[in-house]
Amino acid sequence: MTGSTSSAHHCPHAKSGKGMRSRSTHVRSVCLANNGGSEEEDKEGGVLFHVNKSGFPIDTHTWERMWMHVAKVHPKGGEMVGSIRNAVFLAKPSVPPVPNYRVSMSIPEWLHAIQNYMKTLQYNHTGTQFFEIRKTRPLSGLMETAKEMTRESLPIKCLEAVILGIYLTNGQPSIERFPISFKTQFSGNYFHHVVLGIYCNGRYGSLGMSRRSDLMDKPLTFRTLSDLIFDFEDSYKKYLHTVKKVKIGLYVPHEPHSFQPIEWKQLVLNVTKMMRSDLRKELEKYARDLRMKILKPTSAHSPPLERSRGKSLSPRRRQSSPPRRLGRRDKSKSGPCLALLKTEASMPASLVCYLSQKLLPVIEDNGLFPHPKSLLNLARV
């Protein structure tokens, strides 16, 4: 979950007491992580978290900035930071093994193993996201980042967990994956969170990471997509968060080398302005379209085909052979007549020459085009 309820993480561009927005709207202020970590430290230091853009090993600037942020937001501040950085001996962290799918495992067991692996990595509380996730990046590039997560075995945040969940569920065509994003409000501030929705064998669930145990993974037991979304909404109410918007993307393809980016928000629902019955109706319609796979990504290069009633979307059948090119003489309307005359074996060559030189030009000049059979009968007479 991006952001927290503590004052140390308050959004710098939240609404004021009069309900007015600043020039930088609240959407921009809480979308820092969702935009792939494009933020740098604000002059006032009021950012949600930073993002490591230097890769690994982490460069000095990113490393020092992380410790400065930790000292600023941790209750013990610099004392805690000094005790770690000046320690003579630090225990070597454990590296959890990447889960491997076995044929004997059921799909719920496999999803449980993936979620346990994420929990072993732990949630990242340092204020610095270690892996840069750009949402517009192709799927193949994001899968390389997921491989790096398994190599480094560092704590992750919610957006990184979605990418890691996609990577670990690749190769299981019975599992459909799609992103679910939440925008919530608490104490005048806005927060963003994202999980990986799962659909398999007529049931819905989720994978993810959060500070709250009931805002990440959900068991594969929900009969409808709306039941899953409403369960997240009920969980938010426990922490006095109001769900403002829900964004649901398309199914993520199982091709790890795809250059297609993930579609993050195909459906956007303004929860506060809709009745729950209307929300359920919209969610079930969208879930049905997802299962039918008739939705196309808006980022696709080719426009989607539109189905209209009584018309097929299959391509038209091509001609078996290209049409014969007519010769220079055959381009006139009398071309078929002359061609038939030439193929008549019983006609003398002199007569064919006469008709082609004398008779046909006269017919063309007068605009009369008799049937070729009549010309043959005329020639025979």
Protein backbone atom coordinates (compact mmCIF):
# COMPACT_ATOMS: atom_id res chain seq x y z
CA MET A 1 0.00 0.00 0.00
CA THR A 2 1.48 3.31 -1.06
CA GLY A 3 1.49 5.78 1.79
CA SER A 4 0.52 5.27 5.43
CA THR A 5 -1.56 6.85 8.11
CA SER A 6 1.40 8.28 10.02
CA SER A 7 2.16 11.98 9.84
CA ALA A 8 5.64 11.29 8.55
CA HIS A 9 4.15 10.09 5.29
CA HIS A 10 1.55 12.79 4.82
CA CYS A 11 1.08 13.88 1.26
CA PRO A 12 2.48 17.36 0.51
CA HIS A 13 -0.26 18.15 -2.00
CA ALA A 14 -3.29 17.01 -0.05
CA LYS A 15 -6.47 19.06 0.08
CA SER A 16 -6.52 21.94 2.52
CA GLY A 17 -9.07 22.41 5.23
CA LYS A 18 -11.34 24.36 2.85
CA GLY A 19 -11.41 21.46 0.44
CA MET A 20 -9.45 23.32 -2.23
CA ARG A 21 -6.81 21.57 -4.35
CA SER A 22 -3.33 22.86 -4.78
CA ARG A 23 -1.90 23.39 -8.24
CA SER A 24 -0.35 19.92 -8.09
CA THR A 25 -3.46 17.80 -7.63
CA HIS A 26 -3.75 15.00 -5.11
CA VAL A 27 -3.72 12.43 -7.92
CA ARG A 28 -0.24 13.48 -8.94
CA SER A 29 1.01 13.54 -5.38
CA VAL A 30 0.11 9.95 -4.61
CA CYS A 31 0.95 8.43 -7.99
CA LEU A 32 4.70 8.62 -7.50
CA ALA A 33 5.24 4.88 -7.29
CA ASN A 34 2.60 4.11 -9.90
CA ASN A 35 4.42 6.20 -12.44
CA GLY A 36 7.47 4.02 -12.15
CA GLY A 37 9.23 6.09 -9.48
CA SER A 38 9.86 9.30 -11.36
CA GLU A 39 10.07 11.42 -8.23
CA GLU A 40 13.09 12.94 -6.53
CA GLU A 41 13.21 14.28 -2.97
CA ASP A 42 11.06 17.36 -2.51
CA LYS A 43 12.72 20.42 -0.99
CA GLU A 44 10.40 20.08 1.99
CA GLY A 45 11.03 16.36 2.25
CA GLY A 46 7.33 15.50 2.04
CA VAL A 47 7.43 12.63 -0.46
CA LEU A 48 5.92 9.19 0.00
CA PHE A 49 9.06 7.25 -0.91
CA HIS A 50 12.02 7.27 -3.27
CA VAL A 51 12.96 4.86 -6.04
CA ASN A 52 16.35 3.35 -6.76
CA LYS A 53 17.13 4.14 -10.39
CA SER A 54 20.81 3.23 -10.25
CA GLY A 55 20.28 -0.52 -10.31
CA PHE A 56 22.64 -2.81 -8.42
CA PRO A 57 24.95 -2.23 -6.73
CA ILE A 58 23.17 0.84 -5.38
CA ASP A 59 25.11 4.05 -5.97
CA THR A 60 26.27 6.30 -3.13
CA HIS A 61 23.66 9.01 -3.71
CA THR A 62 20.72 6.59 -3.50
CA TRP A 63 22.26 4.79 -0.52
CA GLU A 64 22.79 7.95 1.52
CA ARG A 65 19.38 9.33 0.57
CA MET A 66 17.73 6.15 1.85
CA TRP A 67 19.41 6.41 5.25
CA MET A 68 18.55 10.11 5.53
CA HIS A 69 14.92 9.33 4.87
CA VAL A 70 14.92 6.49 7.42
CA ALA A 71 16.45 8.77 10.06
CA LYS A 72 13.76 11.33 9.31
CA VAL A 73 10.73 9.05 9.61
CA HIS A 74 11.81 6.39 12.14
CA PRO A 75 10.76 7.03 15.75
CA LYS A 76 14.36 6.63 17.01
CA GLY A 77 15.75 8.60 14.09
CA GLY A 78 19.51 8.88 13.73
CA GLU A 79 20.16 6.71 16.76
CA MET A 80 18.71 3.68 15.04
CA VAL A 81 20.52 4.46 11.79
CA GLY A 82 23.85 4.83 13.59
CA SER A 83 23.42 1.56 15.46
CA ILE A 84 23.09 -0.29 12.16
CA ARG A 85 25.69 1.53 10.05
CA ASN A 86 28.31 1.53 12.80
CA ALA A 87 27.75 -2.06 13.89
CA VAL A 88 30.88 -4.24 13.92
CA PHE A 89 28.98 -7.36 12.98
CA LEU A 90 25.68 -7.77 11.13
CA ALA A 91 24.04 -11.14 10.59
CA LYS A 92 23.94 -12.26 6.98
CA PRO A 93 20.36 -12.08 5.71
CA SER A 94 18.78 -15.29 4.51
CA VAL A 95 18.00 -15.74 0.80
CA PRO A 96 14.70 -17.61 0.38
CA PRO A 97 14.54 -20.14 -2.46
CA VAL A 98 12.32 -19.29 -5.43
CA PRO A 99 9.27 -21.59 -5.38
CA ASN A 100 9.07 -24.26 -8.08
CA TYR A 101 5.81 -25.58 -9.41
CA ARG A 102 5.27 -29.32 -9.11
CA VAL A 103 2.74 -31.33 -11.06
CA SER A 104 1.26 -32.69 -7.86
CA MET A 105 0.41 -29.15 -6.65
CA SER A 106 -3.06 -27.71 -7.05
CA ILE A 107 -3.48 -24.13 -8.24
CA PRO A 108 -4.45 -22.82 -4.76
CA GLU A 109 -1.37 -24.54 -3.30
CA TRP A 110 0.84 -22.95 -5.96
CA LEU A 111 -0.59 -19.48 -5.31
CA HIS A 112 -0.08 -20.03 -1.58
CA ALA A 113 3.58 -20.93 -2.20
CA ILE A 114 4.07 -17.76 -4.26
CA GLN A 115 2.50 -15.58 -1.58
CA ASN A 116 4.62 -17.18 1.13
CA TYR A 117 7.73 -16.40 -0.94
CA MET A 118 6.69 -12.74 -1.13
CA LYS A 119 6.08 -12.65 2.62
CA THR A 120 9.55 -14.11 3.16
CA LEU A 121 11.00 -11.22 1.17
CA GLN A 122 9.05 -8.91 3.52
CA TYR A 123 7.43 -5.57 2.90
CA ASN A 124 9.80 -2.67 2.24
CA HIS A 125 9.59 -0.06 5.04
CA THR A 126 12.82 1.79 4.17
CA GLY A 127 11.10 4.54 2.17
CA THR A 128 13.12 3.62 -0.94
CA GLN A 129 11.75 1.27 -3.56
CA PHE A 130 14.68 -0.89 -4.65
CA PHE A 131 13.39 -1.86 -8.11
CA GLU A 132 12.21 0.71 -10.63
CA ILE A 133 8.89 -0.26 -12.20
CA ARG A 134 7.78 1.81 -15.19
CA LYS A 135 4.20 0.96 -16.04
CA THR A 136 4.63 1.76 -19.73
CA ARG A 137 7.56 -0.62 -20.09
CA PRO A 138 7.01 -3.76 -22.23
CA LEU A 139 6.19 -6.97 -20.41
CA SER A 140 9.51 -8.53 -21.41
CA GLY A 141 11.43 -5.76 -19.63
CA LEU A 142 9.31 -6.06 -16.49
CA MET A 143 9.98 -9.80 -16.40
CA GLU A 144 13.72 -9.06 -16.39
CA THR A 145 13.14 -6.83 -13.38
CA ALA A 146 11.25 -9.68 -11.69
CA LYS A 147 14.24 -11.98 -12.25
CA GLU A 148 16.40 -9.36 -10.58
CA MET A 149 14.06 -9.38 -7.58
CA THR A 150 14.61 -13.12 -7.14
CA ARG A 151 18.39 -12.67 -7.39
CA GLU A 152 18.65 -9.77 -4.93
CA SER A 153 15.99 -11.04 -2.46
CA LEU A 154 15.25 -7.58 -1.10
CA PRO A 155 12.02 -6.32 0.50
CA ILE A 156 9.38 -5.22 -2.00
CA LYS A 157 6.37 -2.91 -2.19
CA CYS A 158 2.94 -3.50 -3.70
CA LEU A 159 3.82 -2.59 -7.31
CA GLU A 160 6.90 -4.79 -7.29
CA ALA A 161 4.80 -7.64 -5.86
CA VAL A 162 2.42 -7.42 -8.82
CA ILE A 163 5.29 -7.80 -11.30
CA LEU A 164 6.82 -10.63 -9.28
CA GLY A 165 3.45 -12.38 -9.10
CA ILE A 166 3.08 -12.19 -12.88
CA TYR A 167 6.56 -13.62 -13.33
CA LEU A 168 6.00 -16.55 -10.98
CA THR A 169 2.60 -17.46 -12.45
CA ASN A 170 3.83 -17.49 -16.05
CA GLY A 171 3.46 -20.86 -17.72
CA GLN A 172 0.14 -21.61 -16.00
CA PRO A 173 -2.45 -20.88 -18.72
CA SER A 174 -5.33 -21.80 -16.41
CA ILE A 175 -4.44 -18.80 -14.21
CA GLU A 176 -5.57 -15.43 -15.53
CA ARG A 177 -3.83 -12.39 -14.02
CA PHE A 178 -5.00 -8.77 -14.07
CA PRO A 179 -4.05 -5.66 -12.01
CA ILE A 180 -6.49 -4.12 -9.53
CA SER A 181 -5.72 -0.60 -8.27
CA PHE A 182 -7.35 1.25 -5.38
CA LYS A 183 -7.43 4.93 -4.57
CA THR A 184 -8.47 5.62 -0.99
CA GLN A 185 -8.81 8.61 1.32
CA PHE A 186 -7.90 8.90 4.98
CA SER A 187 -7.69 12.03 7.12
CA GLY A 188 -7.71 14.30 4.07
CA ASN A 189 -4.89 12.45 2.33
CA TYR A 190 -5.02 10.11 -0.67
CA PHE A 191 -3.35 6.72 -1.00
CA HIS A 192 -2.79 4.32 -3.87
CA HIS A 193 -2.50 0.54 -3.70
CA VAL A 194 -2.33 -2.22 -6.32
CA VAL A 195 -2.71 -6.01 -6.17
CA LEU A 196 -2.66 -8.79 -8.75
CA GLY A 197 -6.14 -10.17 -9.39
CA ILE A 198 -6.36 -13.91 -10.07
CA TYR A 199 -9.09 -15.85 -11.91
CA CYS A 200 -9.00 -19.65 -12.16
CA ASN A 201 -11.67 -22.32 -12.52
CA GLY A 202 -14.54 -19.91 -11.90
CA ARG A 203 -13.07 -18.39 -8.73
CA TYR A 204 -11.37 -15.08 -7.99
CA GLY A 205 -8.53 -14.22 -5.61
CA SER A 206 -5.42 -12.02 -5.44
CA LEU A 207 -1.68 -11.85 -4.78
CA GLY A 208 0.21 -8.87 -3.42
CA MET A 209 2.02 -7.09 -0.61
CA SER A 210 0.83 -4.49 1.89
CA ARG A 211 1.39 -3.25 5.40
CA ARG A 212 -2.01 -4.74 6.22
CA SER A 213 -2.48 -8.49 5.99
CA ASP A 214 -6.04 -8.22 4.65
CA LEU A 215 -5.11 -5.78 1.86
CA MET A 216 -2.82 -8.07 -0.12
CA ASP A 217 -3.53 -11.73 -0.93
CA LYS A 218 -7.05 -13.12 -1.00
CA PRO A 219 -7.87 -16.83 -1.26
CA LEU A 220 -9.17 -18.24 -4.53
CA THR A 221 -12.71 -18.59 -3.16
CA PHE A 222 -14.70 -15.61 -4.47
CA ARG A 223 -17.40 -16.56 -6.96
CA THR A 224 -17.54 -13.16 -8.67
CA LEU A 225 -15.21 -10.24 -9.29
CA SER A 226 -17.56 -7.91 -7.41
CA ASP A 227 -17.35 -10.13 -4.31
CA LEU A 228 -13.55 -9.77 -4.40
CA ILE A 229 -13.65 -5.98 -4.80
CA PHE A 230 -16.26 -5.56 -2.06
CA ASP A 231 -14.12 -7.67 0.29
CA PHE A 232 -11.21 -5.26 -0.26
CA GLU A 233 -13.55 -2.34 0.36
CA ASP A 234 -14.71 -3.87 3.65
CA SER A 235 -11.07 -4.39 4.66
CA TYR A 236 -10.32 -0.73 3.98
CA LYS A 237 -13.20 0.30 6.22
CA LYS A 238 -11.47 -1.39 9.16
CA TYR A 239 -8.66 1.18 8.84
CA LEU A 240 -11.10 4.10 8.29
CA HIS A 241 -10.13 4.37 4.62
CA THR A 242 -12.77 5.36 2.08
CA VAL A 243 -12.36 3.75 -1.36
CA LYS A 244 -12.68 6.52 -3.94
CA LYS A 245 -11.78 4.73 -7.18
CA VAL A 246 -11.13 1.20 -8.41
CA LYS A 247 -9.17 0.55 -11.61
CA ILE A 248 -9.03 -2.88 -13.23
CA GLY A 249 -6.78 -3.85 -16.12
CA LEU A 250 -6.83 -6.55 -18.76
CA TYR A 251 -5.55 -10.12 -18.55
CA VAL A 252 -1.76 -10.19 -18.68
CA PRO A 253 -0.49 -12.52 -21.45
CA HIS A 254 1.56 -15.56 -20.46
CA GLU A 255 4.21 -14.74 -23.06
CA PRO A 256 7.21 -13.42 -21.05
CA HIS A 257 8.91 -12.07 -24.20
CA SER A 258 5.94 -9.95 -25.23
CA PHE A 259 6.63 -6.32 -26.15
CA GLN A 260 3.09 -5.37 -25.17
CA PRO A 261 2.81 -3.27 -21.98
CA ILE A 262 0.42 -4.19 -19.20
CA GLU A 263 -3.00 -2.59 -19.46
CA TRP A 264 -3.46 -1.19 -15.95
CA LYS A 265 -6.82 0.61 -16.09
CA GLN A 266 -9.23 -0.64 -18.71
CA LEU A 267 -12.13 -0.11 -16.29
CA VAL A 268 -12.27 2.87 -13.90
CA LEU A 269 -15.06 3.04 -11.31
CA ASN A 270 -15.82 6.09 -9.20
CA VAL A 271 -16.97 4.17 -6.14
CA THR A 272 -18.25 7.13 -4.13
CA LYS A 273 -20.64 8.19 -6.89
CA MET A 274 -22.17 4.77 -7.58
CA MET A 275 -24.60 2.55 -5.72
CA ARG A 276 -23.27 -0.88 -4.77
CA SER A 277 -25.83 -2.52 -7.06
CA ASP A 278 -24.55 -0.45 -9.99
CA LEU A 279 -20.96 -1.30 -9.07
CA ARG A 280 -21.79 -4.99 -9.04
CA LYS A 281 -23.48 -4.71 -12.42
CA GLU A 282 -20.49 -2.94 -14.00
CA LEU A 283 -17.98 -5.34 -12.44
CA GLU A 284 -19.85 -8.44 -13.59
CA LYS A 285 -20.23 -7.09 -17.11
CA TYR A 286 -16.52 -6.36 -17.23
CA ALA A 287 -15.64 -9.77 -15.77
CA ARG A 288 -17.78 -11.44 -18.42
CA ASP A 289 -16.04 -9.48 -21.18
CA LEU A 290 -12.68 -10.48 -19.72
CA ARG A 291 -13.60 -14.15 -19.73
CA MET A 292 -14.84 -13.88 -23.31
CA LYS A 293 -11.57 -12.10 -24.15
CA ILE A 294 -13.32 -9.57 -26.36
CA LEU A 295 -11.58 -6.59 -24.75
CA LYS A 296 -8.53 -5.21 -26.53
CA PRO A 297 -5.72 -3.12 -25.00
CA THR A 298 -5.88 0.58 -25.84
CA SER A 299 -2.10 0.55 -26.34
CA ALA A 300 -2.26 -1.95 -29.20
CA HIS A 301 -0.87 -0.72 -32.49
CA SER A 302 -3.74 -2.06 -34.60
CA PRO A 303 -7.30 -0.85 -33.91
CA PRO A 304 -9.60 -3.46 -32.36
CA LEU A 305 -12.17 -5.16 -34.52
CA GLU A 306 -15.73 -4.11 -33.80
CA ARG A 307 -18.33 -6.85 -33.87
CA SER A 308 -21.69 -5.90 -35.31
CA ARG A 309 -24.74 -8.10 -35.31
CA GLY A 310 -24.87 -10.59 -38.17
CA LYS A 311 -21.33 -9.86 -39.38
CA SER A 312 -18.33 -12.10 -39.04
CA LEU A 313 -14.93 -10.90 -37.82
CA SER A 314 -13.08 -13.51 -39.86
CA PRO A 315 -11.02 -12.18 -42.79
CA ARG A 316 -12.51 -12.33 -46.26
CA ARG A 317 -11.48 -15.25 -48.45
CA ARG A 318 -8.93 -14.29 -51.03
CA GLN A 319 -9.24 -15.12 -54.71
CA SER A 320 -7.67 -18.41 -55.66
CA SER A 321 -5.82 -16.93 -58.63
CA PRO A 322 -5.21 -13.39 -59.84
CA PRO A 323 -7.32 -12.17 -62.79
CA ARG A 324 -5.81 -12.47 -66.24
CA ARG A 325 -4.17 -9.31 -67.53
CA LEU A 326 -5.72 -8.20 -70.74
CA GLY A 327 -3.51 -7.37 -73.64
CA ARG A 328 -3.40 -3.91 -75.18
CA ARG A 329 -5.97 -4.91 -77.80
CA ASP A 330 -8.17 -6.74 -75.28
CA LYS A 331 -8.77 -3.67 -73.11
CA SER A 332 -11.70 -2.56 -75.33
CA LYS A 333 -15.19 -3.90 -74.86
CA SER A 334 -14.76 -6.05 -77.94
CA GLY A 335 -11.85 -7.93 -76.39
CA PRO A 336 -13.95 -11.01 -75.49
CA CYS A 337 -15.32 -11.14 -79.05
CA LEU A 338 -11.88 -11.17 -80.60
CA ALA A 339 -10.58 -13.69 -78.09
CA LEU A 340 -13.43 -16.06 -78.94
CA LEU A 341 -12.83 -15.64 -82.63
CA LYS A 342 -9.18 -16.56 -82.23
CA THR A 343 -10.03 -19.71 -80.31
CA GLU A 344 -12.46 -20.97 -82.93
CA ALA A 345 -10.44 -23.74 -84.58
CA SER A 346 -12.76 -24.18 -87.59
CA MET A 347 -12.49 -20.57 -88.74
CA PRO A 348 -9.95 -19.76 -91.50
CA ALA A 349 -7.13 -17.50 -90.48
CA SER A 350 -7.92 -15.05 -93.28
CA LEU A 351 -11.47 -14.61 -92.00
CA VAL A 352 -10.29 -13.98 -88.47
CA CYS A 353 -7.90 -11.34 -89.78
CA TYR A 354 -10.67 -9.71 -91.80
CA LEU A 355 -13.08 -9.55 -88.87
CA SER A 356 -10.45 -8.19 -86.53
CA GLN A 357 -9.40 -5.45 -88.97
CA LYS A 358 -12.71 -4.44 -90.57
CA LEU A 359 -15.74 -5.66 -88.73
CA LEU A 360 -14.89 -5.16 -85.05
CA PRO A 361 -13.64 -1.53 -85.39
CA VAL A 362 -16.90 -0.62 -87.12
CA ILE A 363 -18.94 -2.22 -84.33
CA GLU A 364 -16.94 -0.34 -81.70
CA ASP A 365 -17.40 3.01 -83.49
CA ASN A 366 -21.18 2.57 -83.58
CA GLY A 367 -21.39 1.48 -79.95
CA LEU A 368 -22.88 -1.91 -80.86
CA PHE A 369 -21.45 -4.92 -79.06
CA PRO A 370 -23.18 -8.12 -80.16
CA HIS A 371 -22.69 -11.41 -78.40
CA PRO A 372 -19.51 -13.22 -79.51
CA LYS A 373 -21.57 -16.21 -80.65
CA SER A 374 -23.42 -14.06 -83.16
CA LEU A 375 -20.10 -12.89 -84.61
CA LEU A 376 -19.07 -16.49 -85.12
CA ASN A 377 -22.32 -17.25 -86.90
CA LEU A 378 -21.84 -14.16 -89.03
CA ALA A 379 -18.31 -15.21 -89.89
CA ARG A 380 -19.44 -18.70 -90.89
CA VAL A 381 -22.07 -17.26 -93.24
